[in-house]
Structures are given as structure tokens and as C-alpha cells.
Amino acid sequence: MAAPRRRAAAPRNSSWLAHPLVRRAGILLAVSFGLALLLVAYLFGFDGFFGRLVGATFVWFVLLGVTFLAVVPFVNWAADNWFGRSWAEHPTPQPARKPRAANTPKTPAGPKPTRYAPRSSANSD
């Protein structure tokens, strides 16, 4: 008797983007995004919304650029030159913890007191 045939395995280099569900979800996402942009353009016009959006995006990229191209290198340089390399590389001290005395017995927790719940006609059988 011949051995049963195995299914052909999917190629190892196939991208997860080639999966049919991912492709359909991408198409749905693109169409939804396009319709949303058209609706915003219809309601607010290109100058009202998209002009402000482009301006805000430009300011955001400028702030990110200044932060990562100027502020972060300056702080690293200042920490190295003003305070010294040992200060910049010194680990943050951790707070000292009190050691627990080994000979003090733990007091066991007693039983919890029972709560009195009066019976009423609403919670009775």
C-alpha cells in the first residue's frame, strides 16, 4: 500500500501580506480611508481642514526634528562635559531597605468576624 500524500507546505518566504484575509482587510481599509477623506473634503473644503492638517503635520515634524537632532545631543553633551563622564554613567542609587528581623514571629491572622445579615422577606427562601 502506498504512503498517503502530504499536503504541499506553504513556501517559507511567503509574506503575511499575501494572505487573502489580510489583502481584503487592506482593501477595506483603503476604501474606508478614501471615503473618509472625501467626506472631510466635502464638508470642510481643502483649505479648511487639509490646510490645517498639513500645517500641523509640518509643525509636528519640526518639533520632532528639533528634539532628536538638537535637544537630545545637547543634553548628552552637557551631561558629559559639565558634570563629567562618571556622573553620566553613574547608576541611580536605590533606596536602602530595612532588613526584617529574623527572630520576630509573625502574628497569625485570626479568623474574620462574621457579619450579621438580617433576614428579610426579599432574601429568604
Protein backbone atom coordinates (compact mmCIF):
# COMPACT_ATOMS: atom_id res chain seq x y z
CA MET A 1 0.00 0.00 0.00
CA ALA A 2 1.35 3.43 -0.88
CA ALA A 3 2.02 6.04 1.76
CA PRO A 4 -0.53 8.87 1.96
CA ARG A 5 0.47 12.05 0.18
CA ARG A 6 1.29 15.07 2.25
CA ARG A 7 -0.05 18.48 1.54
CA ALA A 8 2.39 20.83 -0.04
CA ALA A 9 3.66 23.21 2.62
CA ALA A 10 3.39 26.92 2.01
CA PRO A 11 6.64 28.45 0.86
CA ARG A 12 8.75 29.72 3.74
CA ASN A 13 9.39 33.10 2.15
CA SER A 14 5.72 33.94 1.58
CA SER A 15 4.69 37.23 3.12
CA TRP A 16 1.83 37.53 5.58
CA LEU A 17 0.56 40.31 3.34
CA ALA A 18 -0.25 37.73 0.66
CA HIS A 19 -2.89 36.11 2.87
CA PRO A 20 -6.36 36.62 1.36
CA LEU A 21 -7.92 37.94 4.59
CA VAL A 22 -5.12 40.47 5.06
CA ARG A 23 -5.49 41.56 1.45
CA ARG A 24 -9.26 42.00 1.85
CA ALA A 25 -8.79 43.90 5.10
CA GLY A 26 -6.27 46.17 3.37
CA ILE A 27 -8.67 46.89 0.53
CA LEU A 28 -11.46 47.64 3.01
CA LEU A 29 -9.15 49.91 4.99
CA ALA A 30 -8.04 51.82 1.88
CA VAL A 31 -11.60 52.30 0.64
CA SER A 32 -12.79 53.43 4.08
CA PHE A 33 -9.89 55.86 4.42
CA GLY A 34 -10.51 57.26 0.96
CA LEU A 35 -14.22 57.75 1.64
CA ALA A 36 -13.45 59.42 4.97
CA LEU A 37 -11.05 61.85 3.26
CA LEU A 38 -13.64 62.62 0.59
CA LEU A 39 -16.29 63.26 3.23
CA VAL A 40 -14.00 65.59 5.18
CA ALA A 41 -13.04 67.42 1.97
CA TYR A 42 -16.72 67.79 1.04
CA LEU A 43 -17.76 69.06 4.47
CA PHE A 44 -14.83 71.36 5.30
CA GLY A 45 -13.15 72.00 1.94
CA PHE A 46 -9.50 71.54 1.13
CA ASP A 47 -8.41 74.85 2.64
CA GLY A 48 -10.29 74.47 5.91
CA PHE A 49 -9.26 71.03 7.05
CA PHE A 50 -6.42 69.84 4.87
CA GLY A 51 -4.62 73.18 5.02
CA ARG A 52 -4.58 73.00 8.80
CA LEU A 53 -3.67 69.33 8.73
CA VAL A 54 -0.63 69.99 6.52
CA GLY A 55 0.41 72.88 8.74
CA ALA A 56 0.05 70.86 11.93
CA THR A 57 1.97 67.94 10.42
CA PHE A 58 4.78 70.30 9.40
CA VAL A 59 4.99 71.77 12.91
CA TRP A 60 4.94 68.28 14.43
CA PHE A 61 7.84 67.11 12.23
CA VAL A 62 9.79 70.29 13.00
CA LEU A 63 9.33 69.74 16.74
CA LEU A 64 10.39 66.10 16.44
CA GLY A 65 13.41 67.11 14.37
CA VAL A 66 14.49 69.77 16.84
CA THR A 67 14.02 67.37 19.73
CA PHE A 68 16.04 64.50 18.31
CA LEU A 69 18.60 66.46 16.31
CA ALA A 70 19.32 69.23 18.82
CA VAL A 71 17.92 68.71 22.32
CA VAL A 72 18.91 65.09 22.93
CA PRO A 73 22.50 65.50 21.66
CA PHE A 74 22.86 68.72 23.68
CA VAL A 75 21.71 67.02 26.90
CA ASN A 76 24.15 64.16 26.30
CA TRP A 77 26.97 66.63 25.61
CA ALA A 78 26.12 68.71 28.69
CA ALA A 79 26.00 65.67 30.95
CA ASP A 80 29.40 64.58 29.65
CA ASN A 81 31.18 67.95 29.66
CA TRP A 82 29.62 69.82 32.57
CA PHE A 83 29.30 67.03 35.11
CA GLY A 84 31.87 64.53 33.84
CA ARG A 85 31.62 61.07 32.34
CA SER A 86 31.47 59.41 35.77
CA TRP A 87 28.30 61.38 36.60
CA ALA A 88 26.65 60.49 33.30
CA GLU A 89 27.39 56.79 33.73
CA HIS A 90 26.77 56.61 37.50
CA PRO A 91 23.80 54.36 38.29
CA THR A 92 20.87 55.79 40.16
CA PRO A 93 21.10 54.87 43.85
CA GLN A 94 18.38 52.58 45.08
CA PRO A 95 16.72 53.27 48.44
CA ALA A 96 18.05 51.13 51.27
CA ARG A 97 15.62 48.54 52.56
CA LYS A 98 15.37 47.68 56.21
CA PRO A 99 16.21 44.07 56.88
CA ARG A 100 13.43 42.20 58.64
CA ALA A 101 14.37 40.79 61.98
CA ALA A 102 14.53 37.03 61.73
CA ASN A 103 13.57 36.29 65.34
CA THR A 104 10.30 38.24 65.44
CA PRO A 105 7.39 35.88 64.98
CA LYS A 106 4.68 36.80 62.56
CA THR A 107 1.33 37.17 64.21
CA PRO A 108 -1.11 34.85 62.52
CA ALA A 109 -4.24 36.48 61.29
CA GLY A 110 -7.23 35.42 63.32
CA PRO A 111 -10.47 34.36 61.75
CA LYS A 112 -12.51 37.14 60.26
CA PRO A 113 -15.53 38.12 62.27
CA THR A 114 -18.79 37.06 60.78
CA ARG A 115 -21.07 39.78 59.51
CA TYR A 116 -24.61 39.88 60.69
CA ALA A 117 -27.03 39.89 57.79
CA PRO A 118 -30.63 40.10 58.93
CA ARG A 119 -33.10 38.01 57.04
CA SER A 120 -35.85 39.74 55.25
CA SER A 121 -38.62 38.58 53.01
CA ALA A 122 -36.60 39.62 49.95
CA ASN A 123 -33.64 37.30 50.58
CA SER A 124 -35.36 34.38 52.25
CA ASP A 125 -36.36 31.14 50.57
